[in-house]
Amino acid sequence: MNPPFRSSVLARRTLLGGAVAGAAAGLIGTLPASRLLAQDGAGAPAGTSPEKGARLILLGTKGGPRVGGARSNPANALVVDGNLYIIDCGMGVTAQAVKAGLDLSKLRDIFISHMHSDHELEFGNLVYNTWAAGQLRQPVNAYGPKGLADMARDYWASNSADIHTRIADEGRVDPATLLKVHEFDAATGPVMDDGVVKVTAFTTPHPPLKDLAYRFETAYGTIVISGDTAFNPALAEFARDCDVLVHETLYVPGVDALVKRAHQGAEFRNHLLSSHTSAQDVGKIATMARAKKLVLTHFVPGDMDWITDQMWHDAAATNYSGEIVVGHDLQSITLG
């Protein structure tokens, strides 16, 4: 029989267990290096052939928390041999994953770059929606900065009435027992290696926060996702020789229009310019990293029609001669 839902005790104990283990040693490298999956093959249900290969799906390509327009808020998916990994959980990530045809029952891990709402607002809802749809049938690990475990605990508490009802009425498993949160101080080092994907993190500045860029190494190639970052040449070294560099981007001529629309002033303008990377500087990072392909995403501004794809492309191309992809929601990029 499944244990009853106890939001005040069980959720905290379950969700913080992994976090305490990681924080105690103070190093990302202390987190679990591998996990056994209760399936046949690389995460496929018994008796089926798993999807082979690796592909990146851009679920949401607009930077910032504003909802609306043609782009959804920041989120990415990586599918490797059928296993699903989600990177950042901006508003709309669940719906975008469904639109992309992703199988949420194959969700293995969630990675959060930093604790800005456009990157973690739907973290709880993604796990809950997967659970409510009957697709959360094995533990999912979530990795990210300090604050993620508290967010998970508070999510279960705020939705305890609904969750308690569904457990009692529908015979469901307590979702708090299926989410393992691993949080850590900003640092550089290995995050996890499950035999399918090896993940390393790198701290990069996003004032006033610090951001975690992630490097995903697979048998089919390597993807580096910058998260939100100011121009940081050290990131190029972390991304050295990657097959795909996915980098946030700022179009400087659009900053004043964005500040005016948001009814903000000099502080907001300064944040945009000091906490993000211009498209021209993104090109510099890609060149220094020797990246084979540059994918532009997290567009700031991301919903002004007068800023065309060609403008984004040309700005990055001033300092990078390789292949440039101006990302769009639900776009799929194959490795290898």
C-alpha atoms as a PDB file:
ATOM      1  CA  MET A   1       0.000   0.000   0.000  1.00  0.00           C
ATOM      2  CA  ASN A   2       1.273   3.455  -0.831  1.00  0.00           C
ATOM      3  CA  PRO A   3       2.164   5.673   2.154  1.00  0.00           C
ATOM      4  CA  PRO A   4      -0.255   8.546   2.915  1.00  0.00           C
ATOM      5  CA  PHE A   5       0.710  12.046   1.886  1.00  0.00           C
ATOM      6  CA  ARG A   6       2.192  14.094   4.737  1.00  0.00           C
ATOM      7  CA  SER A   7       3.224  17.484   3.351  1.00  0.00           C
ATOM      8  CA  SER A   8       4.800  18.887   6.490  1.00  0.00           C
ATOM      9  CA  VAL A   9       7.068  15.949   7.303  1.00  0.00           C
ATOM     10  CA  LEU A  10       7.334  13.437   4.487  1.00  0.00           C
ATOM     11  CA  ALA A  11       7.751  15.976   1.692  1.00  0.00           C
ATOM     12  CA  ARG A  12      10.518  17.832   3.487  1.00  0.00           C
ATOM     13  CA  ARG A  13      12.339  14.606   4.370  1.00  0.00           C
ATOM     14  CA  THR A  14      12.026  13.187   0.864  1.00  0.00           C
ATOM     15  CA  LEU A  15      12.867  16.329  -1.067  1.00  0.00           C
ATOM     16  CA  LEU A  16      15.728  17.485   1.107  1.00  0.00           C
ATOM     17  CA  GLY A  17      17.433  14.121   1.435  1.00  0.00           C
ATOM     18  CA  GLY A  18      19.470  14.487  -1.739  1.00  0.00           C
ATOM     19  CA  ALA A  19      20.112  18.165  -1.082  1.00  0.00           C
ATOM     20  CA  VAL A  20      21.582  17.552   2.357  1.00  0.00           C
ATOM     21  CA  ALA A  21      23.918  14.904   1.009  1.00  0.00           C
ATOM     22  CA  GLY A  22      25.213  17.235  -1.681  1.00  0.00           C
ATOM     23  CA  ALA A  23      25.496  20.295   0.523  1.00  0.00           C
ATOM     24  CA  ALA A  24      27.293  18.474   3.326  1.00  0.00           C
ATOM     25  CA  ALA A  25      30.357  17.905   1.199  1.00  0.00           C
ATOM     26  CA  GLY A  26      30.029  21.290  -0.505  1.00  0.00           C
ATOM     27  CA  LEU A  27      30.923  19.900  -3.943  1.00  0.00           C
ATOM     28  CA  ILE A  28      28.853  19.041  -6.975  1.00  0.00           C
ATOM     29  CA  GLY A  29      31.003  15.986  -7.385  1.00  0.00           C
ATOM     30  CA  THR A  30      29.489  14.410  -4.284  1.00  0.00           C
ATOM     31  CA  LEU A  31      26.119  13.951  -5.997  1.00  0.00           C
ATOM     32  CA  PRO A  32      25.108  10.477  -7.231  1.00  0.00           C
ATOM     33  CA  ALA A  33      27.208   9.411 -10.203  1.00  0.00           C
ATOM     34  CA  SER A  34      24.812   6.820 -11.559  1.00  0.00           C
ATOM     35  CA  ARG A  35      21.395   5.329 -11.087  1.00  0.00           C
ATOM     36  CA  LEU A  36      19.837   1.985 -11.961  1.00  0.00           C
ATOM     37  CA  LEU A  37      16.724   2.223 -14.100  1.00  0.00           C
ATOM     38  CA  ALA A  38      13.935  -0.290 -13.698  1.00  0.00           C
ATOM     39  CA  GLN A  39      13.592  -0.817 -17.422  1.00  0.00           C
ATOM     40  CA  ASP A  40      14.995  -2.924 -20.203  1.00  0.00           C
ATOM     41  CA  GLY A  41      17.805  -1.226 -22.149  1.00  0.00           C
ATOM     42  CA  ALA A  42      18.502   2.507 -21.931  1.00  0.00           C
ATOM     43  CA  GLY A  43      15.361   3.547 -20.140  1.00  0.00           C
ATOM     44  CA  ALA A  44      12.871   1.863 -22.482  1.00  0.00           C
ATOM     45  CA  PRO A  45       9.901  -0.120 -21.178  1.00  0.00           C
ATOM     46  CA  ALA A  46      10.536  -3.876 -21.125  1.00  0.00           C
ATOM     47  CA  GLY A  47      10.026  -5.495 -24.489  1.00  0.00           C
ATOM     48  CA  THR A  48      10.386  -2.360 -26.603  1.00  0.00           C
ATOM     49  CA  SER A  49      13.228  -0.895 -28.628  1.00  0.00           C
ATOM     50  CA  PRO A  50      14.415   2.476 -27.268  1.00  0.00           C
ATOM     51  CA  GLU A  51      14.742   5.510 -29.501  1.00  0.00           C
ATOM     52  CA  LYS A  52      18.359   5.794 -30.626  1.00  0.00           C
ATOM     53  CA  GLY A  53      20.282   9.015 -31.055  1.00  0.00           C
ATOM     54  CA  ALA A  54      20.303  12.414 -29.398  1.00  0.00           C
ATOM     55  CA  ARG A  55      18.346  15.565 -30.132  1.00  0.00           C
ATOM     56  CA  LEU A  56      17.805  18.929 -28.502  1.00  0.00           C
ATOM     57  CA  ILE A  57      14.330  20.466 -28.531  1.00  0.00           C
ATOM     58  CA  LEU A  58      13.924  24.181 -27.864  1.00  0.00           C
ATOM     59  CA  LEU A  59      10.713  24.282 -25.830  1.00  0.00           C
ATOM     60  CA  GLY A  60      10.782  27.987 -25.012  1.00  0.00           C
ATOM     61  CA  THR A  61      13.049  30.598 -26.585  1.00  0.00           C
ATOM     62  CA  LYS A  62      11.922  33.930 -25.137  1.00  0.00           C
ATOM     63  CA  GLY A  63      13.919  35.471 -22.311  1.00  0.00           C
ATOM     64  CA  GLY A  64      12.158  36.938 -19.300  1.00  0.00           C
ATOM     65  CA  PRO A  65       8.956  36.180 -17.384  1.00  0.00           C
ATOM     66  CA  ARG A  66       6.520  38.049 -19.643  1.00  0.00           C
ATOM     67  CA  VAL A  67       3.944  35.660 -21.115  1.00  0.00           C
ATOM     68  CA  GLY A  68       2.633  36.180 -24.635  1.00  0.00           C
ATOM     69  CA  GLY A  69       3.718  36.508 -28.212  1.00  0.00           C
ATOM     70  CA  ALA A  70       5.019  33.823 -30.512  1.00  0.00           C
ATOM     71  CA  ARG A  71       7.641  32.485 -28.109  1.00  0.00           C
ATOM     72  CA  SER A  72       7.217  30.553 -24.869  1.00  0.00           C
ATOM     73  CA  ASN A  73       9.344  31.144 -21.782  1.00  0.00           C
ATOM     74  CA  PRO A  74      12.756  29.492 -21.315  1.00  0.00           C
ATOM     75  CA  ALA A  75      12.935  25.692 -21.404  1.00  0.00           C
ATOM     76  CA  ASN A  76      14.843  23.019 -23.308  1.00  0.00           C
ATOM     77  CA  ALA A  77      14.643  19.264 -23.660  1.00  0.00           C
ATOM     78  CA  LEU A  78      17.377  16.771 -24.448  1.00  0.00           C
ATOM     79  CA  VAL A  79      16.408  13.273 -25.607  1.00  0.00           C
ATOM     80  CA  VAL A  80      19.184  10.673 -25.627  1.00  0.00           C
ATOM     81  CA  ASP A  81      18.376   7.071 -26.558  1.00  0.00           C
ATOM     82  CA  GLY A  82      14.798   7.724 -25.510  1.00  0.00           C
ATOM     83  CA  ASN A  83      15.674   9.217 -22.127  1.00  0.00           C
ATOM     84  CA  LEU A  84      14.275  12.698 -21.487  1.00  0.00           C
ATOM     85  CA  TYR A  85      16.113  15.498 -19.693  1.00  0.00           C
ATOM     86  CA  ILE A  86      14.552  18.937 -19.140  1.00  0.00           C
ATOM     87  CA  ILE A  87      16.716  22.029 -18.760  1.00  0.00           C
ATOM     88  CA  ASP A  88      14.926  24.973 -17.123  1.00  0.00           C
ATOM     89  CA  CYS A  89      11.213  25.171 -16.487  1.00  0.00           C
ATOM     90  CA  GLY A  90       9.794  28.485 -17.612  1.00  0.00           C
ATOM     91  CA  MET A  91       6.042  29.031 -17.735  1.00  0.00           C
ATOM     92  CA  GLY A  92       4.475  26.681 -20.296  1.00  0.00           C
ATOM     93  CA  VAL A  93       7.131  23.958 -20.240  1.00  0.00           C
ATOM     94  CA  THR A  94       4.627  21.103 -19.786  1.00  0.00           C
ATOM     95  CA  ALA A  95       2.391  22.224 -22.628  1.00  0.00           C
ATOM     96  CA  GLN A  96       5.412  22.753 -24.868  1.00  0.00           C
ATOM     97  CA  ALA A  97       6.724  19.272 -24.074  1.00  0.00           C
ATOM     98  CA  VAL A  98       3.357  17.803 -25.060  1.00  0.00           C
ATOM     99  CA  LYS A  99       3.278  19.863 -28.265  1.00  0.00           C
ATOM    100  CA  ALA A 100       6.760  18.550 -29.071  1.00  0.00           C
ATOM    101  CA  GLY A 101       5.492  14.986 -28.752  1.00  0.00           C
ATOM    102  CA  LEU A 102       7.810  14.163 -25.871  1.00  0.00           C
ATOM    103  CA  ASP A 103       7.060  11.127 -23.714  1.00  0.00           C
ATOM    104  CA  LEU A 104       7.047  12.457 -20.158  1.00  0.00           C
ATOM    105  CA  SER A 105       7.138   8.928 -18.772  1.00  0.00           C
ATOM    106  CA  LYS A 106      10.771   8.897 -19.962  1.00  0.00           C
ATOM    107  CA  LEU A 107      11.641  11.953 -17.850  1.00  0.00           C
ATOM    108  CA  ARG A 108      14.869  11.203 -15.982  1.00  0.00           C
ATOM    109  CA  ASP A 109      16.296  14.510 -14.757  1.00  0.00           C
ATOM    110  CA  ILE A 110      15.521  18.211 -14.497  1.00  0.00           C
ATOM    111  CA  PHE A 111      18.264  20.842 -14.464  1.00  0.00           C
ATOM    112  CA  ILE A 112      17.679  24.410 -13.289  1.00  0.00           C
ATOM    113  CA  SER A 113      20.220  27.077 -14.224  1.00  0.00           C
ATOM    114  CA  HIS A 114      19.294  29.721 -11.644  1.00  0.00           C
ATOM    115  CA  MET A 115      16.469  30.924  -9.450  1.00  0.00           C
ATOM    116  CA  HIS A 116      14.891  33.532 -11.701  1.00  0.00           C
ATOM    117  CA  SER A 117      11.202  32.820 -12.215  1.00  0.00           C
ATOM    118  CA  ASP A 118      11.407  32.499 -15.988  1.00  0.00           C
ATOM    119  CA  HIS A 119      13.673  29.487 -15.443  1.00  0.00           C
ATOM    120  CA  GLU A 120      11.972  27.727 -12.515  1.00  0.00           C
ATOM    121  CA  LEU A 121       8.355  28.917 -12.287  1.00  0.00           C
ATOM    122  CA  GLU A 122       6.867  25.694 -13.676  1.00  0.00           C
ATOM    123  CA  PHE A 123       9.295  23.305 -11.984  1.00  0.00           C
ATOM    124  CA  GLY A 124       6.638  22.017  -9.584  1.00  0.00           C
ATOM    125  CA  ASN A 125       3.903  21.994 -12.200  1.00  0.00           C
ATOM    126  CA  LEU A 126       6.015  19.950 -14.624  1.00  0.00           C
ATOM    127  CA  VAL A 127       6.486  17.192 -12.045  1.00  0.00           C
ATOM    128  CA  TYR A 128       2.874  17.428 -10.866  1.00  0.00           C
ATOM    129  CA  ASN A 129       1.397  17.380 -14.380  1.00  0.00           C
ATOM    130  CA  THR A 130       3.500  14.339 -15.258  1.00  0.00           C
ATOM    131  CA  TRP A 131       2.314  12.635 -12.073  1.00  0.00           C
ATOM    132  CA  ALA A 132      -1.349  13.574 -12.591  1.00  0.00           C
ATOM    133  CA  ALA A 133      -1.223  12.171 -16.136  1.00  0.00           C
ATOM    134  CA  GLY A 134      -0.004   8.830 -14.764  1.00  0.00           C
ATOM    135  CA  GLN A 135       3.405   9.203 -16.433  1.00  0.00           C
ATOM    136  CA  LEU A 136       5.533   9.698 -13.326  1.00  0.00           C
ATOM    137  CA  ARG A 137       6.265   6.059 -12.589  1.00  0.00           C
ATOM    138  CA  GLN A 138       9.892   6.197 -11.474  1.00  0.00           C
ATOM    139  CA  PRO A 139      11.997   8.641  -9.463  1.00  0.00           C
ATOM    140  CA  VAL A 140      13.037  11.874 -11.166  1.00  0.00           C
ATOM    141  CA  ASN A 141      16.125  13.771 -10.054  1.00  0.00           C
ATOM    142  CA  ALA A 142      16.280  17.559 -10.076  1.00  0.00           C
ATOM    143  CA  TYR A 143      19.580  19.449  -9.954  1.00  0.00           C
ATOM    144  CA  GLY A 144      20.091  23.126  -9.343  1.00  0.00           C
ATOM    145  CA  PRO A 145      21.143  25.947  -7.025  1.00  0.00           C
ATOM    146  CA  LYS A 146      20.159  26.433  -3.414  1.00  0.00           C
ATOM    147  CA  GLY A 147      16.492  27.245  -3.049  1.00  0.00           C
ATOM    148  CA  LEU A 148      15.283  24.459  -5.327  1.00  0.00           C
ATOM    149  CA  ALA A 149      14.525  22.062  -2.459  1.00  0.00           C
ATOM    150  CA  ASP A 150      12.537  24.722  -0.616  1.00  0.00           C
ATOM    151  CA  MET A 151      10.592  25.426  -3.781  1.00  0.00           C
ATOM    152  CA  ALA A 152       9.725  21.742  -4.162  1.00  0.00           C
ATOM    153  CA  ARG A 153       8.718  21.381  -0.512  1.00  0.00           C
ATOM    154  CA  ASP A 154       6.534  24.483  -0.656  1.00  0.00           C
ATOM    155  CA  TYR A 155       4.922  23.301  -3.881  1.00  0.00           C
ATOM    156  CA  TRP A 156       3.792  20.047  -2.295  1.00  0.00           C
ATOM    157  CA  ALA A 157       2.502  21.953   0.733  1.00  0.00           C
ATOM    158  CA  SER A 158       0.537  24.473  -1.317  1.00  0.00           C
ATOM    159  CA  ASN A 159      -1.108  21.690  -3.334  1.00  0.00           C
ATOM    160  CA  SER A 160      -1.553  19.260  -0.443  1.00  0.00           C
ATOM    161  CA  ALA A 161      -5.372  19.269  -0.561  1.00  0.00           C
ATOM    162  CA  ASP A 162      -5.478  18.186  -4.194  1.00  0.00           C
ATOM    163  CA  ILE A 163      -2.625  15.695  -3.847  1.00  0.00           C
ATOM    164  CA  HIS A 164      -4.090  14.151  -0.672  1.00  0.00           C
ATOM    165  CA  THR A 165      -7.451  13.789  -2.403  1.00  0.00           C
ATOM    166  CA  ARG A 166      -5.977  12.099  -5.472  1.00  0.00           C
ATOM    167  CA  ILE A 167      -3.894   9.697  -3.418  1.00  0.00           C
ATOM    168  CA  ALA A 168      -6.918   8.648  -1.354  1.00  0.00           C
ATOM    169  CA  ASP A 169      -9.477   8.710  -4.171  1.00  0.00           C
ATOM    170  CA  GLU A 170      -7.414   7.433  -7.098  1.00  0.00           C
ATOM    171  CA  GLY A 171      -4.852   5.217  -5.374  1.00  0.00           C
ATOM    172  CA  ARG A 172      -1.882   7.227  -6.599  1.00  0.00           C
ATOM    173  CA  VAL A 173       1.663   7.120  -5.295  1.00  0.00           C
ATOM    174  CA  ASP A 174       2.768  10.117  -3.225  1.00  0.00           C
ATOM    175  CA  PRO A 175       4.579  12.340  -5.780  1.00  0.00           C
ATOM    176  CA  ALA A 176       6.961  13.630  -3.085  1.00  0.00           C
ATOM    177  CA  THR A 177       8.537  10.170  -2.973  1.00  0.00           C
ATOM    178  CA  LEU A 178       9.268  10.319  -6.710  1.00  0.00           C
ATOM    179  CA  LEU A 179      11.162  13.620  -6.838  1.00  0.00           C
ATOM    180  CA  LYS A 180      14.722  13.753  -5.514  1.00  0.00           C
ATOM    181  CA  VAL A 181      16.206  17.254  -5.310  1.00  0.00           C
ATOM    182  CA  HIS A 182      19.965  17.803  -5.360  1.00  0.00           C
ATOM    183  CA  GLU A 183      20.990  21.399  -4.775  1.00  0.00           C
ATOM    184  CA  PHE A 184      24.441  22.873  -4.450  1.00  0.00           C
ATOM    185  CA  ASP A 185      26.366  26.076  -4.070  1.00  0.00           C
ATOM    186  CA  ALA A 186      27.538  27.635  -7.296  1.00  0.00           C
ATOM    187  CA  ALA A 187      30.652  25.692  -8.265  1.00  0.00           C
ATOM    188  CA  THR A 188      32.258  23.942 -11.166  1.00  0.00           C
ATOM    189  CA  GLY A 189      32.360  20.200 -11.516  1.00  0.00           C
ATOM    190  CA  PRO A 190      30.501  16.972 -12.316  1.00  0.00           C
ATOM    191  CA  VAL A 191      26.781  16.829 -11.616  1.00  0.00           C
ATOM    192  CA  MET A 192      25.799  13.322 -12.642  1.00  0.00           C
ATOM    193  CA  ASP A 193      26.603  10.462 -15.011  1.00  0.00           C
ATOM    194  CA  ASP A 194      23.864   7.898 -15.606  1.00  0.00           C
ATOM    195  CA  GLY A 195      25.652   5.992 -18.350  1.00  0.00           C
ATOM    196  CA  VAL A 196      23.604   7.802 -21.001  1.00  0.00           C
ATOM    197  CA  VAL A 197      24.551  11.423 -20.353  1.00  0.00           C
ATOM    198  CA  LYS A 198      27.447  12.895 -18.415  1.00  0.00           C
ATOM    199  CA  VAL A 199      26.636  16.345 -17.040  1.00  0.00           C
ATOM    200  CA  THR A 200      29.042  18.995 -15.788  1.00  0.00           C
ATOM    201  CA  ALA A 201      28.176  22.434 -14.418  1.00  0.00           C
ATOM    202  CA  PHE A 202      29.991  25.740 -14.635  1.00  0.00           C
ATOM    203  CA  THR A 203      29.207  28.895 -12.675  1.00  0.00           C
ATOM    204  CA  THR A 204      28.846  32.023 -14.753  1.00  0.00           C
ATOM    205  CA  PRO A 205      27.757  35.550 -13.707  1.00  0.00           C
ATOM    206  CA  HIS A 206      24.193  36.781 -14.061  1.00  0.00           C
ATOM    207  CA  PRO A 207      24.127  39.723 -11.617  1.00  0.00           C
ATOM    208  CA  PRO A 208      22.868  39.752  -8.960  1.00  0.00           C
ATOM    209  CA  LEU A 209      22.634  35.938  -9.194  1.00  0.00           C
ATOM    210  CA  LYS A 210      25.045  33.272 -10.323  1.00  0.00           C
ATOM    211  CA  ASP A 211      23.995  30.988 -13.148  1.00  0.00           C
ATOM    212  CA  LEU A 212      24.824  27.350 -13.822  1.00  0.00           C
ATOM    213  CA  ALA A 213      25.754  26.538 -17.391  1.00  0.00           C
ATOM    214  CA  TYR A 214      25.520  22.821 -18.154  1.00  0.00           C
ATOM    215  CA  ARG A 215      27.594  20.624 -20.447  1.00  0.00           C
ATOM    216  CA  PHE A 216      25.889  17.426 -21.660  1.00  0.00           C
ATOM    217  CA  GLU A 217      28.208  14.787 -23.108  1.00  0.00           C
ATOM    218  CA  THR A 218      26.597  11.928 -25.018  1.00  0.00           C
ATOM    219  CA  ALA A 219      27.754   9.183 -27.355  1.00  0.00           C
ATOM    220  CA  TYR A 220      26.426  11.327 -30.215  1.00  0.00           C
ATOM    221  CA  GLY A 221      28.029  14.639 -29.339  1.00  0.00           C
ATOM    222  CA  THR A 222      28.219  17.386 -26.742  1.00  0.00           C
ATOM    223  CA  ILE A 223      25.792  20.219 -26.031  1.00  0.00           C
ATOM    224  CA  VAL A 224      26.525  23.195 -23.784  1.00  0.00           C
ATOM    225  CA  ILE A 225      23.635  25.346 -22.548  1.00  0.00           C
ATOM    226  CA  SER A 226      24.671  28.708 -21.126  1.00  0.00           C
ATOM    227  CA  GLY A 227      21.650  29.608 -19.038  1.00  0.00           C
ATOM    228  CA  ASP A 228      21.597  33.355 -18.371  1.00  0.00           C
ATOM    229  CA  THR A 229      25.001  34.981 -18.333  1.00  0.00           C
ATOM    230  CA  ALA A 230      26.892  38.194 -18.795  1.00  0.00           C
ATOM    231  CA  PHE A 231      29.667  38.070 -21.376  1.00  0.00           C
ATOM    232  CA  ASN A 232      32.095  35.548 -19.900  1.00  0.00           C
ATOM    233  CA  PRO A 233      35.163  34.349 -21.837  1.00  0.00           C
ATOM    234  CA  ALA A 234      35.666  31.611 -19.216  1.00  0.00           C
ATOM    235  CA  LEU A 235      32.438  30.047 -20.462  1.00  0.00           C
ATOM    236  CA  ALA A 236      34.132  29.513 -23.838  1.00  0.00           C
ATOM    237  CA  GLU A 237      36.744  27.318 -22.179  1.00  0.00           C
ATOM    238  CA  PHE A 238      33.984  25.284 -20.482  1.00  0.00           C
ATOM    239  CA  ALA A 239      32.282  24.883 -23.874  1.00  0.00           C
ATOM    240  CA  ARG A 240      35.511  24.110 -25.766  1.00  0.00           C
ATOM    241  CA  ASP A 241      34.998  21.985 -28.900  1.00  0.00           C
ATOM    242  CA  CYS A 242      31.319  21.337 -28.206  1.00  0.00           C
ATOM    243  CA  ASP A 243      29.124  20.244 -31.097  1.00  0.00           C
ATOM    244  CA  VAL A 244      26.314  22.641 -30.160  1.00  0.00           C
ATOM    245  CA  LEU A 245      26.516  25.784 -28.044  1.00  0.00           C
ATOM    246  CA  VAL A 246      23.093  27.002 -26.938  1.00  0.00           C
ATOM    247  CA  HIS A 247      23.515  30.569 -25.735  1.00  0.00           C
ATOM    248  CA  GLU A 248      21.212  33.304 -24.489  1.00  0.00           C
ATOM    249  CA  THR A 249      21.303  36.526 -26.466  1.00  0.00           C
ATOM    250  CA  LEU A 250      20.521  40.225 -26.119  1.00  0.00           C
ATOM    251  CA  TYR A 251      19.779  42.633 -28.976  1.00  0.00           C
ATOM    252  CA  VAL A 252      21.131  45.888 -27.608  1.00  0.00           C
ATOM    253  CA  PRO A 253      19.123  48.219 -29.929  1.00  0.00           C
ATOM    254  CA  GLY A 254      15.946  46.692 -28.465  1.00  0.00           C
ATOM    255  CA  VAL A 255      16.802  47.360 -24.822  1.00  0.00           C
ATOM    256  CA  ASP A 256      15.309  50.849 -24.578  1.00  0.00           C
ATOM    257  CA  ALA A 257      12.046  49.690 -26.176  1.00  0.00           C
ATOM    258  CA  LEU A 258      11.868  46.818 -23.690  1.00  0.00           C
ATOM    259  CA  VAL A 259      12.513  49.116 -20.730  1.00  0.00           C
ATOM    260  CA  LYS A 260       9.776  51.492 -21.901  1.00  0.00           C
ATOM    261  CA  ARG A 261       7.242  48.688 -22.409  1.00  0.00           C
ATOM    262  CA  ALA A 262       7.978  47.289 -18.954  1.00  0.00           C
ATOM    263  CA  HIS A 263       7.460  50.752 -17.378  1.00  0.00           C
ATOM    264  CA  GLN A 264      10.872  50.472 -15.774  1.00  0.00           C
ATOM    265  CA  GLY A 265      13.847  52.772 -15.526  1.00  0.00           C
ATOM    266  CA  ALA A 266      17.622  52.936 -15.347  1.00  0.00           C
ATOM    267  CA  GLU A 267      18.005  50.034 -12.879  1.00  0.00           C
ATOM    268  CA  PHE A 268      16.162  47.617 -15.159  1.00  0.00           C
ATOM    269  CA  ARG A 269      18.105  48.840 -18.182  1.00  0.00           C
ATOM    270  CA  ASN A 270      21.373  48.344 -16.332  1.00  0.00           C
ATOM    271  CA  HIS A 271      20.336  44.834 -15.338  1.00  0.00           C
ATOM    272  CA  LEU A 272      19.647  43.883 -18.937  1.00  0.00           C
ATOM    273  CA  LEU A 273      22.981  45.215 -20.171  1.00  0.00           C
ATOM    274  CA  SER A 274      25.110  43.890 -17.315  1.00  0.00           C
ATOM    275  CA  SER A 275      23.450  40.487 -16.860  1.00  0.00           C
ATOM    276  CA  HIS A 276      23.071  39.271 -20.438  1.00  0.00           C
ATOM    277  CA  THR A 277      25.287  38.800 -23.491  1.00  0.00           C
ATOM    278  CA  SER A 278      24.855  40.799 -26.671  1.00  0.00           C
ATOM    279  CA  ALA A 279      24.447  38.828 -29.886  1.00  0.00           C
ATOM    280  CA  GLN A 280      27.812  40.146 -31.072  1.00  0.00           C
ATOM    281  CA  ASP A 281      29.507  38.878 -27.907  1.00  0.00           C
ATOM    282  CA  VAL A 282      27.722  35.530 -28.180  1.00  0.00           C
ATOM    283  CA  GLY A 283      29.514  35.177 -31.509  1.00  0.00           C
ATOM    284  CA  LYS A 284      32.814  35.848 -29.749  1.00  0.00           C
ATOM    285  CA  ILE A 285      32.109  33.115 -27.182  1.00  0.00           C
ATOM    286  CA  ALA A 286      31.233  30.617 -29.921  1.00  0.00           C
ATOM    287  CA  THR A 287      34.442  31.410 -31.781  1.00  0.00           C
ATOM    288  CA  MET A 288      36.616  31.151 -28.675  1.00  0.00           C
ATOM    289  CA  ALA A 289      34.913  27.868 -27.779  1.00  0.00           C
ATOM    290  CA  ARG A 290      35.453  26.460 -31.279  1.00  0.00           C
ATOM    291  CA  ALA A 291      31.792  25.445 -31.215  1.00  0.00           C
ATOM    292  CA  LYS A 292      30.681  23.603 -34.337  1.00  0.00           C
ATOM    293  CA  LYS A 293      27.192  25.086 -34.208  1.00  0.00           C
ATOM    294  CA  LEU A 294      25.722  28.091 -32.375  1.00  0.00           C
ATOM    295  CA  VAL A 295      22.067  28.086 -31.366  1.00  0.00           C
ATOM    296  CA  LEU A 296      20.646  31.438 -30.275  1.00  0.00           C
ATOM    297  CA  THR A 297      17.873  31.334 -27.680  1.00  0.00           C
ATOM    298  CA  HIS A 298      16.512  33.215 -24.645  1.00  0.00           C
ATOM    299  CA  PHE A 299      16.018  36.238 -26.874  1.00  0.00           C
ATOM    300  CA  VAL A 300      15.890  39.579 -25.081  1.00  0.00           C
ATOM    301  CA  PRO A 301      13.672  41.162 -26.305  1.00  0.00           C
ATOM    302  CA  GLY A 302      12.002  37.993 -27.559  1.00  0.00           C
ATOM    303  CA  ASP A 303       8.644  39.271 -28.763  1.00  0.00           C
ATOM    304  CA  MET A 304       9.210  42.422 -30.781  1.00  0.00           C
ATOM    305  CA  ASP A 305       8.344  41.769 -34.413  1.00  0.00           C
ATOM    306  CA  TRP A 306      10.649  44.465 -35.746  1.00  0.00           C
ATOM    307  CA  ILE A 307      13.662  42.443 -34.572  1.00  0.00           C
ATOM    308  CA  THR A 308      13.931  39.825 -37.304  1.00  0.00           C
ATOM    309  CA  ASP A 309      15.734  36.492 -37.420  1.00  0.00           C
ATOM    310  CA  GLN A 310      18.172  38.030 -39.874  1.00  0.00           C
ATOM    311  CA  MET A 311      19.059  40.750 -37.370  1.00  0.00           C
ATOM    312  CA  TRP A 312      19.835  38.192 -34.682  1.00  0.00           C
ATOM    313  CA  HIS A 313      21.843  36.109 -37.149  1.00  0.00           C
ATOM    314  CA  ASP A 314      23.837  39.012 -38.542  1.00  0.00           C
ATOM    315  CA  ALA A 315      24.701  40.358 -35.108  1.00  0.00           C
ATOM    316  CA  ALA A 316      26.135  37.005 -33.981  1.00  0.00           C
ATOM    317  CA  ALA A 317      27.833  36.464 -37.352  1.00  0.00           C
ATOM    318  CA  THR A 318      29.969  39.565 -36.905  1.00  0.00           C
ATOM    319  CA  ASN A 319      32.230  37.476 -34.664  1.00  0.00           C
ATOM    320  CA  TYR A 320      31.434  33.859 -35.610  1.00  0.00           C
ATOM    321  CA  SER A 321      31.737  32.221 -39.019  1.00  0.00           C
ATOM    322  CA  GLY A 322      30.233  28.850 -38.178  1.00  0.00           C
ATOM    323  CA  GLU A 323      26.651  27.636 -38.496  1.00  0.00           C
ATOM    324  CA  ILE A 324      24.148  29.826 -36.644  1.00  0.00           C
ATOM    325  CA  VAL A 325      20.641  28.696 -35.762  1.00  0.00           C
ATOM    326  CA  VAL A 326      18.183  31.399 -34.718  1.00  0.00           C
ATOM    327  CA  GLY A 327      16.091  29.286 -32.389  1.00  0.00           C
ATOM    328  CA  HIS A 328      12.320  28.949 -32.444  1.00  0.00           C
ATOM    329  CA  ASP A 329       9.942  27.137 -30.105  1.00  0.00           C
ATOM    330  CA  LEU A 330       9.670  23.372 -30.735  1.00  0.00           C
ATOM    331  CA  GLN A 331      12.673  23.387 -33.059  1.00  0.00           C
ATOM    332  CA  SER A 332      14.580  20.082 -32.940  1.00  0.00           C
ATOM    333  CA  ILE A 333      18.347  19.868 -33.445  1.00  0.00           C
ATOM    334  CA  THR A 334      19.904  16.455 -33.985  1.00  0.00           C
ATOM    335  CA  LEU A 335      23.380  15.521 -32.743  1.00  0.00           C
ATOM    336  CA  GLY A 336      25.744  13.366 -34.729  1.00  0.00           C
END
